[in-house]
Amino acid sequence: MRLKHVSTFAMLLAAAAAPAFAEDKASPISITADEPKLKKPVEDLDYRYWEVVLRIKNQSNNEIVLSPFVYVKVQNSARREVRPDAFIGAGFAGHELMDEIEKRFIVVPAGKTGEIAVNLANNDMGNYMNGWHFKTPGDYMIQLRCKFNRKEFADTFFKAPFAVEDKELQNLKRADRKWNQALEIDKTLSVVLKIGR
């Protein structure tokens, strides 16, 4: 009897074809990822782009604050990493940018669900943006890592050019700032993006 060979990547694709889900009963949150959707051009993008929506359910009895940043990695069907088509470092910074970043943090009441829309063409990480245009047909594995660590955030943003003067630094360290209240998490989900010919 001849056994049919199934590649590891094919098995990963099959597993990821189901709705992505990351749950830990001991965790205050559970995360699901919708299938990627092709979105129409918007004001700052003159071409269509792919978007993945993450839904984060607050399973605790208390309000939680979530970071808006999602780290994205892309693999092709050969399991090779696909480098971003675009990478832009932070230009203008300062406390105005930090105020804008803070507005993006998500407050989820107890028992409710918050959403993070990940624009795969223009993923804004605060201090840089990267993106993929997916011009080549094929199956792509999209890895979405929801990670927030207060020390790492401080090491990145609590310095020039985001905080130049001491009073700006002290302002960022205030206990009521959203990043100083945000839940520390590290969860990774995967979804499949199929680009046709």
N, C-alpha and C. Protein backbone atom coordinates (compact mmCIF):
# COMPACT_ATOMS: atom_id res chain seq x y z
N MET A 1 0.86 -1.18 0.00
CA MET A 1 0.00 0.00 0.00
C MET A 1 0.89 1.23 0.00
N ARG A 2 0.59 2.18 -0.85
CA ARG A 2 1.38 3.39 -0.97
C ARG A 2 0.78 4.48 -0.08
N LEU A 3 1.61 5.05 0.75
CA LEU A 3 1.15 6.11 1.63
C LEU A 3 1.31 7.45 0.95
N LYS A 4 0.33 8.28 1.07
CA LYS A 4 0.38 9.61 0.49
C LYS A 4 1.15 10.53 1.42
N HIS A 5 2.16 11.22 0.88
CA HIS A 5 2.98 12.13 1.67
C HIS A 5 2.27 13.49 1.78
N VAL A 6 2.20 13.98 2.98
CA VAL A 6 1.63 15.29 3.22
C VAL A 6 2.69 16.15 3.87
N SER A 7 3.01 17.29 3.27
CA SER A 7 4.07 18.15 3.79
C SER A 7 3.66 18.75 5.13
N THR A 8 4.68 19.09 5.92
CA THR A 8 4.41 19.73 7.21
C THR A 8 3.67 21.03 7.00
N PHE A 9 4.05 21.78 5.97
CA PHE A 9 3.40 23.06 5.73
C PHE A 9 1.93 22.84 5.37
N ALA A 10 1.65 21.78 4.59
CA ALA A 10 0.26 21.50 4.23
C ALA A 10 -0.57 21.18 5.47
N MET A 11 0.03 20.44 6.42
CA MET A 11 -0.69 20.14 7.65
C MET A 11 -0.92 21.41 8.47
N LEU A 12 0.08 22.29 8.45
CA LEU A 12 -0.08 23.56 9.15
C LEU A 12 -1.19 24.39 8.52
N LEU A 13 -1.26 24.36 7.18
CA LEU A 13 -2.31 25.10 6.49
C LEU A 13 -3.68 24.55 6.86
N ALA A 14 -3.77 23.23 6.92
CA ALA A 14 -5.05 22.62 7.26
C ALA A 14 -5.47 23.00 8.67
N ALA A 15 -4.51 22.99 9.58
CA ALA A 15 -4.83 23.35 10.96
C ALA A 15 -5.22 24.82 11.07
N ALA A 16 -4.53 25.66 10.30
CA ALA A 16 -4.81 27.09 10.38
C ALA A 16 -6.06 27.49 9.63
N ALA A 17 -6.56 26.59 8.78
CA ALA A 17 -7.77 26.91 8.01
C ALA A 17 -8.97 27.07 8.93
N ALA A 18 -8.95 26.37 10.07
CA ALA A 18 -10.00 26.55 11.06
C ALA A 18 -9.80 27.90 11.74
N PRO A 19 -10.85 28.46 12.33
CA PRO A 19 -10.68 29.76 13.00
C PRO A 19 -9.57 29.71 14.03
N ALA A 20 -8.63 30.63 13.93
CA ALA A 20 -7.51 30.66 14.86
C ALA A 20 -8.01 30.99 16.24
N PHE A 21 -7.45 30.30 17.24
CA PHE A 21 -7.98 30.45 18.60
C PHE A 21 -6.85 30.25 19.58
N ALA A 22 -6.74 31.13 20.55
CA ALA A 22 -5.73 31.00 21.60
C ALA A 22 -6.42 31.23 22.94
N GLU A 23 -6.53 30.15 23.70
CA GLU A 23 -7.23 30.27 24.98
C GLU A 23 -6.45 29.56 26.07
N ASP A 24 -6.41 30.16 27.21
CA ASP A 24 -5.82 29.59 28.41
C ASP A 24 -6.80 29.90 29.53
N LYS A 25 -7.40 28.85 30.10
CA LYS A 25 -8.45 29.07 31.10
C LYS A 25 -7.94 29.88 32.28
N ALA A 26 -6.62 29.82 32.53
CA ALA A 26 -6.06 30.59 33.62
C ALA A 26 -5.81 32.03 33.23
N SER A 27 -5.89 32.31 31.93
CA SER A 27 -5.62 33.66 31.44
C SER A 27 -6.89 34.51 31.52
N PRO A 28 -6.72 35.81 31.74
CA PRO A 28 -7.90 36.69 31.77
C PRO A 28 -8.49 36.97 30.39
N ILE A 29 -7.81 36.52 29.32
CA ILE A 29 -8.31 36.79 27.98
C ILE A 29 -8.27 35.54 27.11
N SER A 30 -9.11 35.53 26.07
CA SER A 30 -9.00 34.56 24.99
C SER A 30 -9.00 35.34 23.68
N ILE A 31 -8.28 34.84 22.69
CA ILE A 31 -8.11 35.57 21.43
C ILE A 31 -8.50 34.68 20.27
N THR A 32 -9.29 35.21 19.34
CA THR A 32 -9.58 34.54 18.08
C THR A 32 -9.20 35.47 16.94
N ALA A 33 -8.94 34.87 15.78
CA ALA A 33 -8.58 35.65 14.60
C ALA A 33 -9.52 35.31 13.46
N ASP A 34 -10.11 36.32 12.85
CA ASP A 34 -10.97 36.11 11.69
C ASP A 34 -10.13 35.76 10.47
N GLU A 35 -10.78 35.24 9.45
CA GLU A 35 -10.09 35.01 8.19
C GLU A 35 -9.67 36.35 7.59
N PRO A 36 -8.51 36.39 6.91
CA PRO A 36 -8.09 37.64 6.27
C PRO A 36 -9.13 38.11 5.26
N LYS A 37 -9.35 39.42 5.22
CA LYS A 37 -10.31 40.01 4.27
C LYS A 37 -9.62 41.09 3.46
N LEU A 38 -9.97 41.14 2.18
CA LEU A 38 -9.42 42.16 1.29
C LEU A 38 -10.25 43.43 1.45
N LYS A 39 -9.58 44.51 1.81
CA LYS A 39 -10.26 45.77 2.09
C LYS A 39 -10.09 46.76 0.94
N LYS A 40 -11.04 47.66 0.81
CA LYS A 40 -10.98 48.67 -0.24
C LYS A 40 -9.96 49.75 0.12
N PRO A 41 -9.49 50.49 -0.89
CA PRO A 41 -8.55 51.59 -0.60
C PRO A 41 -9.14 52.58 0.39
N VAL A 42 -8.27 53.12 1.23
CA VAL A 42 -8.68 54.14 2.19
C VAL A 42 -7.84 55.39 1.94
N GLU A 43 -8.06 56.39 2.76
CA GLU A 43 -7.44 57.70 2.51
C GLU A 43 -5.92 57.63 2.41
N ASP A 44 -5.28 56.85 3.32
CA ASP A 44 -3.82 56.83 3.31
C ASP A 44 -3.24 55.67 2.51
N LEU A 45 -4.10 54.82 1.91
CA LEU A 45 -3.63 53.73 1.05
C LEU A 45 -4.45 53.75 -0.23
N ASP A 46 -3.77 53.90 -1.37
CA ASP A 46 -4.49 54.00 -2.64
C ASP A 46 -4.63 52.65 -3.33
N TYR A 47 -4.46 51.56 -2.58
CA TYR A 47 -4.62 50.23 -3.15
C TYR A 47 -5.35 49.36 -2.11
N ARG A 48 -5.90 48.24 -2.58
CA ARG A 48 -6.58 47.33 -1.67
C ARG A 48 -5.56 46.64 -0.78
N TYR A 49 -5.98 46.24 0.40
CA TYR A 49 -5.04 45.63 1.33
C TYR A 49 -5.76 44.55 2.13
N TRP A 50 -4.96 43.63 2.68
CA TRP A 50 -5.51 42.53 3.47
C TRP A 50 -5.50 42.91 4.95
N GLU A 51 -6.56 42.51 5.63
CA GLU A 51 -6.71 42.83 7.05
C GLU A 51 -7.15 41.58 7.82
N VAL A 52 -6.58 41.40 9.00
CA VAL A 52 -6.99 40.33 9.91
C VAL A 52 -7.48 40.99 11.19
N VAL A 53 -8.68 40.63 11.62
CA VAL A 53 -9.24 41.19 12.85
C VAL A 53 -9.07 40.18 13.98
N LEU A 54 -8.42 40.62 15.05
CA LEU A 54 -8.30 39.82 16.26
C LEU A 54 -9.39 40.24 17.24
N ARG A 55 -10.02 39.26 17.85
CA ARG A 55 -11.07 39.53 18.84
C ARG A 55 -10.58 39.01 20.20
N ILE A 56 -10.48 39.92 21.15
CA ILE A 56 -9.94 39.58 22.47
C ILE A 56 -11.06 39.67 23.50
N LYS A 57 -11.42 38.53 24.06
CA LYS A 57 -12.49 38.50 25.06
C LYS A 57 -11.89 38.62 26.46
N ASN A 58 -12.44 39.51 27.24
CA ASN A 58 -12.03 39.68 28.63
C ASN A 58 -12.80 38.67 29.48
N GLN A 59 -12.09 37.65 29.95
CA GLN A 59 -12.72 36.59 30.73
C GLN A 59 -12.67 36.86 32.23
N SER A 60 -12.11 38.01 32.60
CA SER A 60 -11.97 38.33 34.02
C SER A 60 -13.17 39.14 34.52
N ASN A 61 -13.14 39.47 35.78
CA ASN A 61 -14.20 40.27 36.38
C ASN A 61 -13.82 41.74 36.47
N ASN A 62 -12.69 42.08 35.86
CA ASN A 62 -12.20 43.45 35.92
C ASN A 62 -11.93 44.00 34.52
N GLU A 63 -11.98 45.30 34.41
CA GLU A 63 -11.61 45.96 33.16
C GLU A 63 -10.13 45.71 32.88
N ILE A 64 -9.78 45.49 31.60
CA ILE A 64 -8.38 45.31 31.25
C ILE A 64 -8.01 46.28 30.12
N VAL A 65 -6.73 46.60 30.06
CA VAL A 65 -6.18 47.45 29.00
C VAL A 65 -5.26 46.59 28.15
N LEU A 66 -5.38 46.71 26.83
CA LEU A 66 -4.59 45.89 25.90
C LEU A 66 -3.76 46.77 24.99
N SER A 67 -2.55 46.31 24.72
CA SER A 67 -1.71 46.99 23.73
C SER A 67 -2.28 46.77 22.33
N PRO A 68 -2.17 47.77 21.45
CA PRO A 68 -2.68 47.62 20.09
C PRO A 68 -1.69 46.96 19.14
N PHE A 69 -0.47 46.69 19.61
CA PHE A 69 0.60 46.25 18.71
C PHE A 69 0.57 44.73 18.52
N VAL A 70 0.63 44.30 17.26
CA VAL A 70 0.67 42.89 16.90
C VAL A 70 1.86 42.67 15.98
N TYR A 71 2.76 41.77 16.38
CA TYR A 71 3.94 41.47 15.57
C TYR A 71 3.55 40.44 14.52
N VAL A 72 3.88 40.73 13.26
CA VAL A 72 3.47 39.89 12.14
C VAL A 72 4.69 39.25 11.47
N LYS A 73 4.57 37.96 11.18
CA LYS A 73 5.54 37.25 10.35
C LYS A 73 4.77 36.51 9.26
N VAL A 74 5.39 36.41 8.08
CA VAL A 74 4.73 35.77 6.95
C VAL A 74 5.65 34.70 6.38
N GLN A 75 5.08 33.51 6.11
CA GLN A 75 5.80 32.43 5.45
C GLN A 75 5.07 32.05 4.17
N ASN A 76 5.85 31.66 3.15
CA ASN A 76 5.24 31.16 1.92
C ASN A 76 5.06 29.65 2.02
N SER A 77 4.59 29.03 0.95
CA SER A 77 4.30 27.59 0.98
C SER A 77 5.55 26.74 1.14
N ALA A 78 6.72 27.33 0.90
CA ALA A 78 7.98 26.62 1.12
C ALA A 78 8.51 26.81 2.53
N ARG A 79 7.69 27.42 3.39
CA ARG A 79 8.02 27.69 4.79
C ARG A 79 9.18 28.67 4.93
N ARG A 80 9.35 29.48 3.91
CA ARG A 80 10.38 30.51 3.97
C ARG A 80 9.75 31.84 4.36
N GLU A 81 10.45 32.57 5.19
CA GLU A 81 9.92 33.85 5.64
C GLU A 81 9.87 34.84 4.48
N VAL A 82 8.78 35.55 4.39
CA VAL A 82 8.59 36.56 3.35
C VAL A 82 8.89 37.92 3.97
N ARG A 83 9.88 38.58 3.44
CA ARG A 83 10.26 39.88 3.98
C ARG A 83 9.20 40.92 3.62
N PRO A 84 9.02 41.92 4.48
CA PRO A 84 8.04 42.97 4.18
C PRO A 84 8.37 43.71 2.89
N ASP A 85 7.32 44.12 2.18
CA ASP A 85 7.52 44.96 0.99
C ASP A 85 7.78 46.40 1.37
N ALA A 86 7.43 46.76 2.60
CA ALA A 86 7.61 48.14 3.04
C ALA A 86 8.06 48.14 4.50
N PHE A 87 8.98 49.04 4.80
CA PHE A 87 9.43 49.23 6.18
C PHE A 87 9.77 50.70 6.34
N ILE A 88 9.12 51.34 7.29
CA ILE A 88 9.33 52.77 7.52
C ILE A 88 9.60 52.99 9.00
N GLY A 89 10.72 53.59 9.32
CA GLY A 89 11.03 53.91 10.70
C GLY A 89 10.28 55.16 11.13
N ALA A 90 10.23 55.36 12.44
CA ALA A 90 9.54 56.54 12.97
C ALA A 90 10.26 57.80 12.53
N GLY A 91 9.51 58.75 12.03
CA GLY A 91 10.09 60.03 11.65
C GLY A 91 9.90 61.00 12.79
N PHE A 92 8.85 61.81 12.70
CA PHE A 92 8.52 62.74 13.77
C PHE A 92 8.09 61.97 15.02
N ALA A 93 8.66 62.33 16.16
CA ALA A 93 8.29 61.66 17.40
C ALA A 93 7.89 62.71 18.43
N GLY A 94 8.25 62.47 19.69
CA GLY A 94 7.90 63.43 20.73
C GLY A 94 6.65 63.02 21.47
N HIS A 95 6.24 63.86 22.43
CA HIS A 95 5.10 63.50 23.27
C HIS A 95 3.80 63.46 22.49
N GLU A 96 3.73 64.22 21.36
CA GLU A 96 2.50 64.17 20.55
C GLU A 96 2.28 62.76 20.00
N LEU A 97 3.36 62.12 19.54
CA LEU A 97 3.24 60.76 19.03
C LEU A 97 2.85 59.80 20.15
N MET A 98 3.42 59.97 21.33
CA MET A 98 3.07 59.11 22.44
C MET A 98 1.60 59.27 22.83
N ASP A 99 1.09 60.47 22.72
CA ASP A 99 -0.34 60.69 23.00
C ASP A 99 -1.20 59.94 21.99
N GLU A 100 -0.76 59.94 20.71
CA GLU A 100 -1.50 59.21 19.68
C GLU A 100 -1.41 57.71 19.90
N ILE A 101 -0.24 57.23 20.31
CA ILE A 101 -0.08 55.81 20.60
C ILE A 101 -1.00 55.40 21.74
N GLU A 102 -1.08 56.23 22.77
CA GLU A 102 -1.91 55.90 23.93
C GLU A 102 -3.38 55.77 23.54
N LYS A 103 -3.84 56.58 22.59
CA LYS A 103 -5.24 56.51 22.15
C LYS A 103 -5.56 55.18 21.50
N ARG A 104 -4.54 54.49 21.00
CA ARG A 104 -4.76 53.22 20.32
C ARG A 104 -4.89 52.04 21.29
N PHE A 105 -4.44 52.22 22.54
CA PHE A 105 -4.61 51.15 23.52
C PHE A 105 -6.10 50.89 23.73
N ILE A 106 -6.44 49.64 23.99
CA ILE A 106 -7.84 49.21 24.01
C ILE A 106 -8.26 48.89 25.43
N VAL A 107 -9.36 49.47 25.86
CA VAL A 107 -9.93 49.20 27.18
C VAL A 107 -11.13 48.26 26.98
N VAL A 108 -11.06 47.08 27.60
CA VAL A 108 -12.12 46.08 27.44
C VAL A 108 -12.78 45.82 28.79
N PRO A 109 -14.06 46.17 28.93
CA PRO A 109 -14.76 45.91 30.20
C PRO A 109 -14.86 44.41 30.48
N ALA A 110 -15.10 44.05 31.72
CA ALA A 110 -15.24 42.65 32.11
C ALA A 110 -16.34 41.97 31.29
N GLY A 111 -16.01 40.78 30.75
CA GLY A 111 -16.98 40.01 29.99
C GLY A 111 -17.20 40.47 28.57
N LYS A 112 -16.57 41.56 28.15
CA LYS A 112 -16.75 42.09 26.81
C LYS A 112 -15.59 41.69 25.90
N THR A 113 -15.73 42.01 24.60
CA THR A 113 -14.72 41.66 23.61
C THR A 113 -14.22 42.90 22.89
N GLY A 114 -12.92 43.04 22.83
CA GLY A 114 -12.30 44.13 22.07
C GLY A 114 -11.74 43.61 20.75
N GLU A 115 -11.45 44.53 19.84
CA GLU A 115 -10.95 44.15 18.51
C GLU A 115 -9.67 44.90 18.18
N ILE A 116 -8.76 44.20 17.49
CA ILE A 116 -7.57 44.82 16.90
C ILE A 116 -7.56 44.47 15.43
N ALA A 117 -7.66 45.46 14.57
CA ALA A 117 -7.63 45.25 13.12
C ALA A 117 -6.18 45.39 12.65
N VAL A 118 -5.61 44.29 12.16
CA VAL A 118 -4.22 44.28 11.71
C VAL A 118 -4.18 44.50 10.21
N ASN A 119 -3.69 45.65 9.79
CA ASN A 119 -3.54 45.98 8.38
C ASN A 119 -2.22 45.37 7.90
N LEU A 120 -2.30 44.31 7.09
CA LEU A 120 -1.09 43.60 6.68
C LEU A 120 -0.24 44.40 5.70
N ALA A 121 -0.80 45.45 5.12
CA ALA A 121 -0.03 46.30 4.21
C ALA A 121 0.62 47.47 4.92
N ASN A 122 0.15 47.76 6.12
CA ASN A 122 0.63 48.96 6.82
C ASN A 122 0.46 48.75 8.32
N ASN A 123 1.27 47.84 8.87
CA ASN A 123 1.15 47.48 10.28
C ASN A 123 1.96 48.47 11.13
N ASP A 124 1.25 49.35 11.82
CA ASP A 124 1.88 50.43 12.58
C ASP A 124 2.24 49.94 13.99
N MET A 125 3.55 49.90 14.28
CA MET A 125 4.03 49.44 15.57
C MET A 125 4.49 50.58 16.47
N GLY A 126 4.13 51.79 16.12
CA GLY A 126 4.48 52.93 16.95
C GLY A 126 5.81 53.54 16.58
N ASN A 127 6.87 52.75 16.65
CA ASN A 127 8.19 53.26 16.27
C ASN A 127 8.63 52.82 14.88
N TYR A 128 7.80 52.04 14.21
CA TYR A 128 8.05 51.70 12.81
C TYR A 128 6.77 51.14 12.21
N MET A 129 6.74 51.07 10.87
CA MET A 129 5.63 50.43 10.15
C MET A 129 6.21 49.45 9.16
N ASN A 130 5.56 48.31 8.99
CA ASN A 130 5.95 47.38 7.94
C ASN A 130 4.69 46.83 7.27
N GLY A 131 4.87 46.20 6.12
CA GLY A 131 3.70 45.71 5.41
C GLY A 131 4.04 44.80 4.26
N TRP A 132 3.05 43.98 3.86
CA TRP A 132 3.18 43.04 2.77
C TRP A 132 2.07 43.31 1.76
N HIS A 133 2.42 43.24 0.45
CA HIS A 133 1.44 43.52 -0.61
C HIS A 133 0.91 42.26 -1.28
N PHE A 134 1.58 41.11 -1.10
CA PHE A 134 1.12 39.81 -1.58
C PHE A 134 0.79 39.84 -3.08
N LYS A 135 1.77 40.24 -3.87
CA LYS A 135 1.58 40.32 -5.32
C LYS A 135 1.75 38.96 -6.01
N THR A 136 2.39 38.01 -5.32
CA THR A 136 2.63 36.69 -5.90
C THR A 136 1.57 35.71 -5.42
N PRO A 137 0.86 35.01 -6.34
CA PRO A 137 -0.16 34.04 -5.92
C PRO A 137 0.44 32.93 -5.08
N GLY A 138 -0.37 32.36 -4.20
CA GLY A 138 0.09 31.26 -3.36
C GLY A 138 -0.59 31.28 -2.01
N ASP A 139 -0.22 30.30 -1.18
CA ASP A 139 -0.74 30.22 0.18
C ASP A 139 0.31 30.77 1.14
N TYR A 140 -0.13 31.64 2.02
CA TYR A 140 0.77 32.28 2.98
C TYR A 140 0.29 31.99 4.41
N MET A 141 1.25 31.67 5.27
CA MET A 141 0.96 31.51 6.68
C MET A 141 1.25 32.83 7.38
N ILE A 142 0.22 33.41 7.99
CA ILE A 142 0.36 34.69 8.68
C ILE A 142 0.41 34.41 10.19
N GLN A 143 1.54 34.71 10.81
CA GLN A 143 1.68 34.54 12.25
C GLN A 143 1.46 35.90 12.93
N LEU A 144 0.57 35.90 13.88
CA LEU A 144 0.19 37.13 14.59
C LEU A 144 0.52 36.97 16.07
N ARG A 145 1.50 37.73 16.52
CA ARG A 145 1.94 37.60 17.91
C ARG A 145 1.46 38.81 18.72
N CYS A 146 0.57 38.55 19.65
CA CYS A 146 0.11 39.59 20.56
C CYS A 146 1.03 39.58 21.78
N LYS A 147 1.91 40.54 21.82
CA LYS A 147 2.92 40.55 22.88
C LYS A 147 3.04 41.95 23.46
N PHE A 148 2.97 42.02 24.78
CA PHE A 148 3.22 43.29 25.45
C PHE A 148 3.96 43.04 26.75
N ASN A 149 5.10 43.71 26.89
CA ASN A 149 5.92 43.64 28.09
C ASN A 149 6.25 45.08 28.48
N ARG A 150 5.89 45.47 29.68
CA ARG A 150 6.07 46.87 30.08
C ARG A 150 7.52 47.32 30.04
N LYS A 151 8.45 46.45 30.47
CA LYS A 151 9.86 46.82 30.45
C LYS A 151 10.34 47.03 29.02
N GLU A 152 9.97 46.13 28.11
CA GLU A 152 10.38 46.27 26.72
C GLU A 152 9.78 47.54 26.11
N PHE A 153 8.53 47.83 26.46
CA PHE A 153 7.90 49.05 25.95
C PHE A 153 8.65 50.27 26.45
N ALA A 154 8.99 50.29 27.74
CA ALA A 154 9.73 51.42 28.30
C ALA A 154 11.10 51.56 27.67
N ASP A 155 11.78 50.42 27.45
CA ASP A 155 13.12 50.46 26.83
C ASP A 155 13.07 51.05 25.43
N THR A 156 11.93 50.87 24.74
CA THR A 156 11.79 51.37 23.37
C THR A 156 11.36 52.83 23.33
N PHE A 157 10.40 53.20 24.17
CA PHE A 157 9.75 54.51 24.03
C PHE A 157 10.13 55.53 25.11
N PHE A 158 10.66 55.10 26.22
CA PHE A 158 10.96 56.05 27.29
C PHE A 158 12.36 56.63 27.10
N LYS A 159 12.60 57.20 25.93
CA LYS A 159 13.89 57.80 25.61
C LYS A 159 13.70 58.62 24.34
N ALA A 160 14.74 59.35 23.95
CA ALA A 160 14.68 60.13 22.72
C ALA A 160 14.51 59.17 21.53
N PRO A 161 13.75 59.57 20.51
CA PRO A 161 13.13 60.87 20.31
C PRO A 161 11.71 61.00 20.91
N PHE A 162 11.26 59.97 21.64
CA PHE A 162 9.90 59.99 22.17
C PHE A 162 9.81 60.81 23.45
N ALA A 163 10.87 60.85 24.22
CA ALA A 163 10.93 61.66 25.43
C ALA A 163 12.31 62.28 25.51
N VAL A 164 12.39 63.58 25.29
CA VAL A 164 13.68 64.26 25.26
C VAL A 164 13.99 64.90 26.60
N GLU A 165 13.05 65.63 27.13
CA GLU A 165 13.26 66.32 28.40
C GLU A 165 12.82 65.43 29.56
N ASP A 166 13.36 65.71 30.74
CA ASP A 166 13.07 64.89 31.91
C ASP A 166 11.58 64.93 32.26
N LYS A 167 10.96 66.09 32.09
CA LYS A 167 9.53 66.19 32.43
C LYS A 167 8.70 65.33 31.48
N GLU A 168 9.14 65.17 30.22
CA GLU A 168 8.43 64.30 29.29
C GLU A 168 8.58 62.84 29.73
N LEU A 169 9.77 62.47 30.17
CA LEU A 169 9.99 61.10 30.64
C LEU A 169 9.14 60.80 31.86
N GLN A 170 9.10 61.73 32.79
CA GLN A 170 8.29 61.52 34.00
C GLN A 170 6.81 61.42 33.66
N ASN A 171 6.39 62.14 32.63
CA ASN A 171 5.00 62.08 32.18
C ASN A 171 4.66 60.68 31.66
N LEU A 172 5.61 60.07 30.91
CA LEU A 172 5.38 58.74 30.37
C LEU A 172 5.33 57.68 31.46
N LYS A 173 5.97 57.97 32.59
CA LYS A 173 6.04 56.99 33.68
C LYS A 173 4.85 57.06 34.63
N ARG A 174 3.95 58.01 34.41
CA ARG A 174 2.80 58.14 35.30
C ARG A 174 1.97 56.85 35.33
N ALA A 175 1.51 56.50 36.51
CA ALA A 175 0.79 55.23 36.68
C ALA A 175 -0.50 55.18 35.88
N ASP A 176 -1.09 56.34 35.57
CA ASP A 176 -2.37 56.35 34.86
C ASP A 176 -2.22 56.26 33.35
N ARG A 177 -0.99 56.27 32.83
CA ARG A 177 -0.82 56.10 31.38
C ARG A 177 -1.19 54.67 31.00
N LYS A 178 -1.81 54.52 29.85
CA LYS A 178 -2.37 53.22 29.46
C LYS A 178 -1.31 52.11 29.40
N TRP A 179 -0.10 52.43 28.91
CA TRP A 179 0.93 51.39 28.81
C TRP A 179 1.40 50.92 30.18
N ASN A 180 1.19 51.71 31.21
CA ASN A 180 1.55 51.29 32.56
C ASN A 180 0.43 50.51 33.24
N GLN A 181 -0.70 50.38 32.55
CA GLN A 181 -1.83 49.60 33.05
C GLN A 181 -2.09 48.36 32.20
N ALA A 182 -1.48 48.31 31.02
CA ALA A 182 -1.81 47.27 30.05
C ALA A 182 -1.40 45.88 30.53
N LEU A 183 -2.20 44.89 30.12
CA LEU A 183 -1.96 43.50 30.46
C LEU A 183 -0.72 42.99 29.73
N GLU A 184 0.16 42.34 30.46
CA GLU A 184 1.33 41.73 29.83
C GLU A 184 0.93 40.37 29.28
N ILE A 185 1.09 40.18 27.99
CA ILE A 185 0.68 38.94 27.34
C ILE A 185 1.73 38.54 26.31
N ASP A 186 1.66 37.28 25.87
CA ASP A 186 2.49 36.79 24.77
C ASP A 186 1.78 35.58 24.18
N LYS A 187 0.94 35.83 23.19
CA LYS A 187 0.15 34.77 22.55
C LYS A 187 0.30 34.89 21.03
N THR A 188 0.45 33.75 20.35
CA THR A 188 0.63 33.75 18.90
C THR A 188 -0.48 32.92 18.24
N LEU A 189 -1.08 33.48 17.19
CA LEU A 189 -2.07 32.80 16.39
C LEU A 189 -1.59 32.77 14.95
N SER A 190 -2.13 31.83 14.18
CA SER A 190 -1.78 31.73 12.76
C SER A 190 -3.06 31.64 11.92
N VAL A 191 -3.04 32.30 10.78
CA VAL A 191 -4.13 32.20 9.81
C VAL A 191 -3.52 32.01 8.43
N VAL A 192 -4.32 31.48 7.53
CA VAL A 192 -3.86 31.25 6.15
C VAL A 192 -4.46 32.29 5.23
N LEU A 193 -3.61 32.85 4.39
CA LEU A 193 -4.05 33.80 3.37
C LEU A 193 -3.79 33.17 2.01
N LYS A 194 -4.84 32.98 1.21
CA LYS A 194 -4.72 32.37 -0.11
C LYS A 194 -4.84 33.46 -1.16
N ILE A 195 -3.79 33.63 -1.93
CA ILE A 195 -3.78 34.63 -3.01
C ILE A 195 -3.92 33.88 -4.33
N GLY A 196 -5.04 34.12 -5.04
CA GLY A 196 -5.28 33.43 -6.30
C GLY A 196 -4.57 34.09 -7.47
N ARG A 197 -4.60 33.40 -8.57
CA ARG A 197 -3.99 33.95 -9.80
C ARG A 197 -4.96 34.90 -10.49
